[in-house]
Amino acid sequence: MFRTNVSPNDPAEEHPTIGLIGMGAMGAMYAKHLSKAGWKKISVCDIPDKFESLKLQYAGVPGITVHQDGHGVSRISDFIMYSVEAEYIDRVVSQYGPSTKVGAVVSGQTSVKAPEKDAFEKYLPPDVHIVSLHSLHGPTVSPEGQPLVLIQHRAPDSSLHLVENIFRCFGSRFVYLTYEDHDLVTANVQAVTHAAFLTMGTAWASQRAYPWEQGQYVGGIETVKVNIMLRIYANKWHVYAGLAILNPFARIQIDQYASSATALFKLMLAGDERGLRTRIYDAREQVFGTVKTERAPIFLTEDVLDQFTIGGHPKLNCSPTTSSAPPSNSHLALLAMVDCWAHLKIQPFDHLDLAATPIFRMWIGVAEYLFRSPTRLDSAVRSAVYDVTHRSDDLEFVIAARGWSQCVSFGSFELYKRRFLETASFFESRFEEAGAIGSEMIKAISQS
């Protein structure tokens, strides 16, 4: 019999049987780290069609046994994690939930918890416990130091301690939330962030151009934009679709982001510098005005970020002591994000220490870098109103933002998938380089 205070160093007979249902990218990441840590009894499965390929994949991997389906995993596991897309969580739990071992602890690794909570309460037997979780990072990011949300929903403290002990080997920061708070926090740190980068990609793909390879979008803020945009489109579409479509908080924020981008662009077209500056500085005060000035900035120096430029295009020399300067830019994506947060009265810095993802940390960092400097912010406003160099890009951005907002409002996963994959196909040839460089950039910023 296992103990709740067990560790991988204890005898194998004292280990809990850990069950993983769903072996996509995140399930595979969990299996890898649990095996590497020394857990001896890990049962995994995916859809029955993948049984043979999974057996080959995990043949000889310490501690891992592959099962035909979720029934085999559920019947013997003391801890069970469902790592399936939020869209399918109800169907999968209805199928395998009734087979759950008496007294087991059940968890989910979905990015949206409302449907997961409903499925668990509907289909799990009353004699099992629910302690859910969510790693707030992608499968290619090391879990060390990253937030791992734990939700003690229907369970005694001993069940929570078991989950903590199983995943202590990840080196993650435990964050304790309710199901409802999880969806609100994840919407606040992910919804607008993802919308911004999805929109950038669609706008550039619509123009059939890689502007960073043509001397545009090079250096500093631009480096972050390009790297994260490519990183997102190199990922699986469902990672973002579930959060956007199934999380009601996210829908509201994505709609406001499109509205903010549209309103700011109208001020640009009208040549209303005063109106644009007033709106932007009001947003600056609401989002950044209450942050303690002694807190160290998130953003690294541009010199450090320049080493992560994609495409081998060197950044222009923008030292204040030289006459050269980077191309002007309205930074509409950033202006719209802060304007959106201001209108929804979201304080993003409240979530930095709580549950910030690596991408959110970088994106709020570049926003802080732009908005905390009146010089940079005024330059963006003047560029938005008077410099038409990026006007066509900004137009495509607004169209794309509204398109993504409408897509989410329709609630169609198929439409989301089609829109995502069509954009991703344009950038596919750049994914390999961007993936390697983006990982190094995330590592550098996470350690700053």
Protein backbone atom coordinates (compact mmCIF):
# COMPACT_ATOMS: atom_id res chain seq x y z
CA MET A 1 0.00 0.00 0.00
CA PHE A 2 1.34 3.46 -0.89
CA ARG A 3 1.71 6.34 1.54
CA THR A 4 0.62 9.90 0.73
CA ASN A 5 4.05 11.18 1.80
CA VAL A 6 5.84 8.79 -0.57
CA SER A 7 8.73 9.88 -2.79
CA PRO A 8 10.43 8.28 -5.82
CA ASN A 9 13.28 7.20 -3.50
CA ASP A 10 11.00 4.90 -1.49
CA PRO A 11 10.65 1.18 -2.32
CA ALA A 12 8.62 0.51 -5.45
CA GLU A 13 5.93 -1.38 -3.54
CA GLU A 14 5.16 1.82 -1.63
CA HIS A 15 4.70 3.90 -4.79
CA PRO A 16 1.21 4.90 -5.93
CA THR A 17 0.19 3.75 -9.39
CA ILE A 18 0.11 6.91 -11.52
CA GLY A 19 -2.30 6.83 -14.45
CA LEU A 20 -2.11 9.13 -17.47
CA ILE A 21 -5.07 9.10 -19.85
CA GLY A 22 -4.12 10.95 -23.03
CA MET A 23 -0.58 10.91 -24.36
CA GLY A 24 -0.44 14.01 -26.50
CA ALA A 25 2.35 16.54 -26.07
CA MET A 26 1.53 17.40 -22.45
CA GLY A 27 0.79 13.80 -21.43
CA ALA A 28 4.12 12.76 -22.92
CA MET A 29 5.89 15.57 -21.05
CA TYR A 30 4.37 14.39 -17.77
CA ALA A 31 5.34 10.79 -18.46
CA LYS A 32 8.92 11.78 -19.28
CA HIS A 33 9.46 13.79 -16.10
CA LEU A 34 7.74 11.25 -13.84
CA SER A 35 9.83 8.41 -15.28
CA LYS A 36 13.03 10.44 -15.06
CA ALA A 37 12.28 11.26 -11.41
CA GLY A 38 12.14 7.56 -10.57
CA TRP A 39 8.44 6.77 -10.15
CA LYS A 40 8.14 3.03 -10.75
CA LYS A 41 4.44 2.49 -11.51
CA ILE A 42 3.21 4.73 -14.33
CA SER A 43 0.29 3.48 -16.43
CA VAL A 44 -0.49 5.32 -19.67
CA CYS A 45 -2.92 5.10 -22.55
CA ASP A 46 -4.28 7.03 -25.49
CA ILE A 47 -6.97 6.16 -28.02
CA PRO A 48 -6.99 2.41 -28.77
CA ASP A 49 -5.66 3.00 -32.31
CA LYS A 50 -2.40 4.26 -30.81
CA PHE A 51 -1.86 1.28 -28.51
CA GLU A 52 0.75 -0.47 -30.65
CA SER A 53 2.69 2.71 -31.48
CA LEU A 54 2.71 3.73 -27.80
CA LYS A 55 4.06 0.32 -26.81
CA LEU A 56 6.94 0.78 -29.23
CA GLN A 57 7.53 4.35 -28.09
CA TYR A 58 7.75 3.42 -24.39
CA ALA A 59 9.38 0.03 -24.69
CA GLY A 60 12.18 -0.02 -22.17
CA VAL A 61 11.29 3.36 -20.63
CA PRO A 62 11.66 2.91 -16.85
CA GLY A 63 8.45 2.70 -14.87
CA ILE A 64 6.00 3.07 -17.78
CA THR A 65 3.39 0.47 -18.76
CA VAL A 66 1.14 1.08 -21.78
CA HIS A 67 -2.52 0.02 -21.60
CA GLN A 68 -5.12 -0.54 -24.29
CA ASP A 69 -7.51 2.13 -23.02
CA GLY A 70 -8.61 4.26 -20.08
CA HIS A 71 -10.46 1.39 -18.41
CA GLY A 72 -7.21 -0.46 -17.89
CA VAL A 73 -5.59 2.66 -16.43
CA SER A 74 -8.54 3.70 -14.25
CA ARG A 75 -9.08 0.33 -12.59
CA ILE A 76 -5.55 0.08 -11.16
CA SER A 77 -4.36 3.68 -10.65
CA ASP A 78 -4.23 5.50 -7.33
CA PHE A 79 -3.77 8.83 -9.07
CA ILE A 80 -5.30 9.44 -12.51
CA MET A 81 -4.72 12.45 -14.75
CA TYR A 82 -6.85 13.15 -17.81
CA SER A 83 -4.67 14.97 -20.34
CA VAL A 84 -7.18 15.45 -23.14
CA GLU A 85 -8.49 18.46 -25.01
CA ALA A 86 -11.15 20.44 -23.17
CA GLU A 87 -13.49 19.91 -26.12
CA TYR A 88 -13.50 16.15 -25.47
CA ILE A 89 -13.19 15.98 -21.68
CA ASP A 90 -16.89 15.27 -21.12
CA ARG A 91 -16.91 12.35 -23.56
CA VAL A 92 -13.67 10.79 -22.28
CA VAL A 93 -14.59 11.04 -18.58
CA SER A 94 -18.05 9.63 -19.26
CA GLN A 95 -16.37 6.64 -20.90
CA TYR A 96 -13.63 5.87 -18.35
CA GLY A 97 -14.72 7.67 -15.17
CA PRO A 98 -17.01 4.89 -13.90
CA SER A 99 -14.01 2.50 -13.93
CA THR A 100 -12.07 4.65 -11.45
CA LYS A 101 -10.52 2.72 -8.58
CA VAL A 102 -12.22 3.24 -5.22
CA GLY A 103 -10.44 5.95 -3.22
CA ALA A 104 -8.34 7.13 -6.17
CA VAL A 105 -7.43 10.77 -6.72
CA VAL A 106 -8.50 12.12 -10.13
CA SER A 107 -7.09 15.15 -11.88
CA GLY A 108 -7.32 16.93 -15.21
CA GLN A 109 -4.72 18.81 -17.24
CA THR A 110 -7.15 20.83 -19.37
CA SER A 111 -6.54 24.51 -19.96
CA VAL A 112 -10.20 25.36 -19.23
CA LYS A 113 -11.63 23.97 -16.02
CA ALA A 114 -15.37 24.67 -16.29
CA PRO A 115 -16.10 21.69 -18.60
CA GLU A 116 -13.62 19.53 -16.68
CA LYS A 117 -15.34 20.27 -13.38
CA ASP A 118 -18.76 19.46 -14.86
CA ALA A 119 -17.49 16.17 -16.31
CA PHE A 120 -15.83 15.06 -13.07
CA GLU A 121 -18.87 15.87 -10.95
CA LYS A 122 -21.19 14.17 -13.43
CA TYR A 123 -19.33 10.92 -14.15
CA LEU A 124 -16.84 10.15 -11.36
CA PRO A 125 -18.08 7.85 -8.58
CA PRO A 126 -18.67 9.61 -5.25
CA ASP A 127 -16.01 7.44 -3.54
CA VAL A 128 -13.10 9.01 -5.46
CA HIS A 129 -11.37 12.35 -4.81
CA ILE A 130 -10.78 15.28 -7.14
CA VAL A 131 -7.56 17.30 -7.01
CA SER A 132 -7.06 18.89 -10.40
CA LEU A 133 -3.99 20.58 -11.85
CA HIS A 134 -2.67 22.62 -14.77
CA SER A 135 0.92 23.31 -15.80
CA LEU A 136 0.90 26.88 -17.11
CA HIS A 137 3.46 26.33 -19.85
CA GLY A 138 3.86 24.39 -23.08
CA PRO A 139 5.31 20.90 -23.47
CA THR A 140 8.69 22.14 -24.73
CA VAL A 141 9.29 24.40 -21.71
CA SER A 142 10.99 22.95 -18.64
CA PRO A 143 8.52 22.79 -15.72
CA GLU A 144 11.21 23.90 -13.28
CA GLY A 145 10.22 27.19 -11.68
CA GLN A 146 6.99 27.42 -13.70
CA PRO A 147 3.55 27.66 -12.05
CA LEU A 148 1.65 24.41 -11.51
CA VAL A 149 -1.95 25.08 -10.45
CA LEU A 150 -3.45 22.69 -7.89
CA ILE A 151 -7.20 22.63 -7.29
CA GLN A 152 -8.41 20.78 -4.16
CA HIS A 153 -12.03 20.42 -5.20
CA ARG A 154 -13.49 17.28 -3.65
CA ALA A 155 -10.77 15.77 -1.53
CA PRO A 156 -9.23 15.67 1.95
CA ASP A 157 -5.85 17.22 2.64
CA SER A 158 -4.19 13.80 2.38
CA SER A 159 -5.16 13.60 -1.31
CA LEU A 160 -3.72 17.04 -1.97
CA HIS A 161 -0.48 16.02 -0.25
CA LEU A 162 -0.28 12.94 -2.46
CA VAL A 163 -0.51 15.08 -5.61
CA GLU A 164 2.07 17.51 -4.22
CA ASN A 165 4.48 14.66 -3.52
CA ILE A 166 4.02 13.11 -6.96
CA PHE A 167 4.79 16.35 -8.76
CA ARG A 168 7.42 17.79 -6.46
CA CYS A 169 9.96 16.29 -8.88
CA PHE A 170 8.88 18.83 -11.52
CA GLY A 171 10.45 21.67 -9.55
CA SER A 172 7.39 23.80 -10.35
CA ARG A 173 5.83 26.46 -8.12
CA PHE A 174 2.55 25.19 -6.66
CA VAL A 175 -0.30 27.69 -7.04
CA TYR A 176 -3.52 26.90 -5.17
CA LEU A 177 -6.78 28.02 -6.81
CA THR A 178 -10.43 27.03 -7.18
CA TYR A 179 -11.82 25.90 -10.51
CA GLU A 180 -13.49 29.29 -11.01
CA ASP A 181 -10.44 31.33 -10.06
CA HIS A 182 -8.33 29.21 -12.40
CA ASP A 183 -10.45 30.10 -15.42
CA LEU A 184 -10.46 33.78 -14.54
CA VAL A 185 -6.69 33.92 -13.95
CA THR A 186 -5.81 31.91 -17.06
CA ALA A 187 -8.05 34.13 -19.16
CA ASN A 188 -6.31 37.19 -17.73
CA VAL A 189 -2.83 35.88 -18.49
CA GLN A 190 -3.48 34.02 -21.74
CA ALA A 191 -6.57 35.15 -23.66
CA VAL A 192 -5.42 38.57 -24.89
CA THR A 193 -1.82 37.42 -25.13
CA HIS A 194 -2.71 34.57 -27.47
CA ALA A 195 -5.13 36.76 -29.42
CA ALA A 196 -2.39 39.31 -30.08
CA PHE A 197 0.05 36.77 -31.52
CA LEU A 198 -2.57 34.85 -33.46
CA THR A 199 -3.65 38.15 -34.99
CA MET A 200 -0.08 39.15 -35.87
CA GLY A 201 0.47 35.89 -37.67
CA THR A 202 -2.77 36.08 -39.63
CA ALA A 203 -2.03 39.69 -40.62
CA TRP A 204 1.47 38.86 -41.89
CA ALA A 205 0.27 35.70 -43.64
CA SER A 206 -2.44 37.72 -45.39
CA GLN A 207 0.30 39.97 -46.75
CA ARG A 208 2.32 36.89 -47.79
CA ALA A 209 5.44 38.32 -46.20
CA TYR A 210 8.05 37.60 -43.55
CA PRO A 211 8.65 41.26 -42.69
CA TRP A 212 11.42 40.55 -40.19
CA GLU A 213 13.51 39.19 -43.06
CA GLN A 214 13.07 42.43 -45.00
CA GLY A 215 14.49 44.79 -42.40
CA GLN A 216 11.20 45.34 -40.56
CA TYR A 217 10.36 44.07 -37.08
CA VAL A 218 14.03 43.62 -36.14
CA GLY A 219 15.49 43.99 -32.65
CA GLY A 220 14.14 44.34 -29.10
CA ILE A 221 10.35 44.32 -28.97
CA GLU A 222 10.18 43.07 -32.55
CA THR A 223 12.33 40.06 -31.66
CA VAL A 224 9.83 39.02 -28.99
CA LYS A 225 6.87 39.52 -31.33
CA VAL A 226 8.29 37.37 -34.10
CA ASN A 227 9.65 34.58 -31.91
CA ILE A 228 6.47 34.11 -29.90
CA MET A 229 4.18 34.38 -32.94
CA LEU A 230 6.11 31.60 -34.68
CA ARG A 231 6.26 29.55 -31.49
CA ILE A 232 2.47 29.69 -31.07
CA TYR A 233 1.73 28.70 -34.66
CA ALA A 234 4.22 25.83 -34.41
CA ASN A 235 2.12 24.43 -31.56
CA LYS A 236 -1.13 22.46 -31.74
CA TRP A 237 -4.23 24.50 -32.57
CA HIS A 238 -6.35 22.91 -29.84
CA VAL A 239 -4.00 24.25 -27.14
CA TYR A 240 -5.43 27.72 -27.78
CA ALA A 241 -8.91 26.87 -29.07
CA GLY A 242 -10.15 25.40 -25.80
CA LEU A 243 -9.15 28.41 -23.75
CA ALA A 244 -10.64 30.88 -26.24
CA ILE A 245 -13.94 29.12 -26.94
CA LEU A 246 -14.80 27.34 -23.69
CA ASN A 247 -13.64 29.95 -21.18
CA PRO A 248 -16.35 32.63 -20.88
CA PHE A 249 -13.88 35.14 -19.43
CA ALA A 250 -11.63 34.67 -22.45
CA ARG A 251 -14.42 35.34 -24.92
CA ILE A 252 -15.11 38.72 -23.32
CA GLN A 253 -11.45 39.69 -23.40
CA ILE A 254 -10.85 38.63 -27.02
CA ASP A 255 -13.89 40.64 -28.10
CA GLN A 256 -12.59 43.70 -26.23
CA TYR A 257 -9.13 43.27 -27.75
CA ALA A 258 -10.62 43.47 -31.24
CA SER A 259 -12.70 46.48 -30.23
CA SER A 260 -9.64 48.22 -28.77
CA ALA A 261 -7.59 47.60 -31.92
CA THR A 262 -10.42 48.96 -34.06
CA ALA A 263 -10.97 52.08 -31.94
CA LEU A 264 -7.26 52.93 -31.88
CA PHE A 265 -6.94 52.41 -35.62
CA LYS A 266 -9.85 54.79 -36.26
CA LEU A 267 -8.05 57.46 -34.25
CA MET A 268 -4.94 56.82 -36.35
CA LEU A 269 -6.89 57.19 -39.60
CA ALA A 270 -8.52 60.40 -38.35
CA GLY A 271 -5.09 61.87 -37.59
CA ASP A 272 -6.30 62.50 -34.05
CA GLU A 273 -2.96 62.58 -32.24
CA ARG A 274 -4.42 64.23 -29.17
CA GLY A 275 -7.27 61.76 -28.88
CA LEU A 276 -4.97 58.78 -29.37
CA ARG A 277 -2.42 60.06 -26.88
CA THR A 278 -5.12 60.76 -24.27
CA ARG A 279 -6.58 57.27 -24.61
CA ILE A 280 -3.18 55.57 -24.51
CA TYR A 281 -1.97 57.54 -21.50
CA ASP A 282 -5.22 56.87 -19.65
CA ALA A 283 -4.67 53.15 -20.25
CA ARG A 284 -1.05 53.54 -19.14
CA GLU A 285 -2.14 55.05 -15.85
CA GLN A 286 -4.73 52.33 -15.16
CA VAL A 287 -2.45 49.39 -15.96
CA PHE A 288 1.00 50.64 -14.97
CA GLY A 289 0.32 53.60 -12.70
CA THR A 290 -0.32 51.55 -9.58
CA VAL A 291 2.69 49.23 -9.97
CA LYS A 292 5.42 49.84 -7.42
CA THR A 293 8.28 51.59 -9.13
CA GLU A 294 10.90 49.74 -7.10
CA ARG A 295 9.92 46.41 -8.70
CA ALA A 296 12.58 45.32 -11.17
CA PRO A 297 11.42 45.53 -14.80
CA ILE A 298 10.67 42.24 -16.54
CA PHE A 299 12.11 43.12 -19.88
CA LEU A 300 15.71 42.32 -20.75
CA THR A 301 17.85 44.85 -22.57
CA GLU A 302 17.55 45.07 -26.32
CA ASP A 303 21.20 44.07 -26.62
CA VAL A 304 20.43 40.75 -24.94
CA LEU A 305 17.32 40.12 -27.03
CA ASP A 306 19.16 40.86 -30.26
CA GLN A 307 20.96 37.54 -30.04
CA PHE A 308 17.58 35.85 -30.62
CA THR A 309 16.85 37.48 -34.00
CA ILE A 310 15.45 35.06 -36.58
CA GLY A 311 16.59 34.94 -40.18
CA GLY A 312 20.11 36.22 -39.64
CA HIS A 313 19.06 39.85 -40.15
CA PRO A 314 21.12 42.03 -37.77
CA LYS A 315 19.37 44.72 -35.84
CA LEU A 316 20.00 48.30 -36.84
CA ASN A 317 22.24 50.22 -34.48
CA CYS A 318 19.88 52.17 -32.28
CA SER A 319 22.26 53.45 -29.67
CA PRO A 320 21.21 56.89 -28.45
CA THR A 321 24.70 58.14 -29.34
CA THR A 322 24.33 57.28 -33.02
CA SER A 323 22.22 58.72 -35.79
CA SER A 324 20.79 55.34 -36.76
CA ALA A 325 17.45 54.24 -35.30
CA PRO A 326 15.15 51.27 -35.65
CA PRO A 327 12.20 51.68 -38.02
CA SER A 328 9.30 53.53 -36.41
CA ASN A 329 6.31 51.44 -35.43
CA SER A 330 2.87 52.13 -34.02
CA HIS A 331 3.03 48.93 -31.92
CA LEU A 332 -0.73 48.62 -32.38
CA ALA A 333 -0.74 45.08 -30.94
CA LEU A 334 0.71 46.35 -27.66
CA LEU A 335 -1.38 49.51 -27.54
CA ALA A 336 -4.55 47.46 -28.05
CA MET A 337 -3.57 44.98 -25.35
CA VAL A 338 -3.04 47.62 -22.66
CA ASP A 339 -6.17 49.48 -23.80
CA CYS A 340 -8.11 46.21 -23.52
CA TRP A 341 -6.84 45.56 -20.00
CA ALA A 342 -7.71 49.11 -18.98
CA HIS A 343 -11.27 48.86 -20.29
CA LEU A 344 -11.83 45.54 -18.50
CA LYS A 345 -10.10 46.80 -15.34
CA ILE A 346 -7.63 43.91 -15.42
CA GLN A 347 -4.45 44.34 -13.39
CA PRO A 348 -2.02 41.94 -15.14
CA PHE A 349 0.79 42.45 -12.64
CA ASP A 350 -1.40 40.84 -9.98
CA HIS A 351 -0.90 37.54 -11.78
CA LEU A 352 2.85 37.71 -12.37
CA ASP A 353 3.86 35.90 -9.21
CA LEU A 354 0.66 33.88 -9.10
CA ALA A 355 0.35 32.17 -12.46
CA ALA A 356 2.31 33.90 -15.20
CA THR A 357 3.13 31.77 -18.24
CA PRO A 358 6.50 32.34 -19.96
CA ILE A 359 4.78 33.95 -22.95
CA PHE A 360 2.67 36.23 -20.74
CA ARG A 361 5.76 37.24 -18.80
CA MET A 362 7.51 38.29 -22.00
CA TRP A 363 4.50 40.05 -23.47
CA ILE A 364 3.70 42.09 -20.39
CA GLY A 365 7.43 42.76 -20.19
CA VAL A 366 7.58 44.35 -23.63
CA ALA A 367 4.37 46.27 -22.87
CA GLU A 368 6.01 47.62 -19.71
CA TYR A 369 9.14 48.46 -21.70
CA LEU A 370 7.06 50.50 -24.16
CA PHE A 371 4.58 52.12 -21.77
CA ARG A 372 6.96 53.00 -18.94
CA SER A 373 9.03 55.18 -21.31
CA PRO A 374 7.25 58.39 -22.40
CA THR A 375 9.84 58.72 -25.17
CA ARG A 376 9.08 55.32 -26.65
CA LEU A 377 5.34 55.68 -26.13
CA ASP A 378 5.20 59.14 -27.73
CA SER A 379 7.21 57.79 -30.66
CA ALA A 380 4.64 55.01 -31.12
CA VAL A 381 1.76 57.51 -31.03
CA ARG A 382 3.42 59.80 -33.58
CA SER A 383 4.22 56.84 -35.80
CA ALA A 384 0.64 55.64 -35.57
CA VAL A 385 -0.75 58.98 -36.69
CA TYR A 386 1.82 60.33 -39.14
CA ASP A 387 3.98 57.47 -40.45
CA VAL A 388 2.14 55.33 -43.00
CA THR A 389 5.00 52.83 -43.36
CA HIS A 390 3.17 50.25 -41.25
CA ARG A 391 -0.36 51.43 -42.03
CA SER A 392 -1.09 48.48 -44.31
CA ASP A 393 0.17 46.09 -41.62
CA ASP A 394 -2.01 47.81 -39.04
CA LEU A 395 -5.04 47.53 -41.34
CA GLU A 396 -4.43 43.79 -41.76
CA PHE A 397 -3.98 43.51 -38.01
CA VAL A 398 -7.36 45.08 -37.27
CA ILE A 399 -9.10 42.88 -39.84
CA ALA A 400 -7.40 39.80 -38.38
CA ALA A 401 -8.26 40.78 -34.79
CA ARG A 402 -11.93 41.15 -35.65
CA GLY A 403 -11.82 37.89 -37.59
CA TRP A 404 -10.40 35.97 -34.61
CA SER A 405 -12.96 37.57 -32.29
CA GLN A 406 -15.82 36.52 -34.57
CA CYS A 407 -14.36 33.05 -34.89
CA VAL A 408 -14.32 32.65 -31.10
CA SER A 409 -17.83 34.09 -30.72
CA PHE A 410 -19.18 31.46 -33.14
CA GLY A 411 -17.90 28.78 -30.76
CA SER A 412 -16.79 26.54 -33.62
CA PHE A 413 -13.68 24.43 -33.06
CA GLU A 414 -13.65 23.47 -36.72
CA LEU A 415 -13.60 27.11 -37.83
CA TYR A 416 -10.86 27.90 -35.29
CA LYS A 417 -8.82 24.94 -36.50
CA ARG A 418 -9.13 25.93 -40.15
CA ARG A 419 -8.17 29.54 -39.48
CA PHE A 420 -5.20 28.50 -37.34
CA LEU A 421 -3.85 25.88 -39.74
CA GLU A 422 -4.18 28.11 -42.79
CA THR A 423 -2.01 30.72 -41.08
CA ALA A 424 0.42 28.16 -39.68
CA SER A 425 1.04 26.66 -43.11
CA PHE A 426 2.49 29.97 -44.33
CA PHE A 427 5.11 30.04 -41.55
CA GLU A 428 5.91 26.32 -41.43
CA SER A 429 9.29 26.68 -43.11
CA ARG A 430 10.43 28.97 -40.29
CA PHE A 431 9.28 26.84 -37.35
CA GLU A 432 12.44 24.82 -36.75
CA GLU A 433 14.71 27.84 -36.38
CA ALA A 434 12.12 29.77 -34.38
CA GLY A 435 11.55 26.85 -32.01
CA ALA A 436 15.21 26.57 -31.08
CA ILE A 437 15.75 30.31 -30.75
CA GLY A 438 12.44 30.86 -28.93
CA SER A 439 13.31 28.25 -26.29
CA GLU A 440 16.59 29.99 -25.56
CA MET A 441 14.83 33.35 -25.36
CA ILE A 442 12.26 32.03 -22.90
CA LYS A 443 15.02 30.50 -20.80
CA ALA A 444 16.98 33.76 -20.75
CA ILE A 445 13.98 35.87 -19.77
CA SER A 446 12.75 33.35 -17.17
CA GLN A 447 16.14 33.55 -15.46
CA SER A 448 16.23 37.35 -15.48
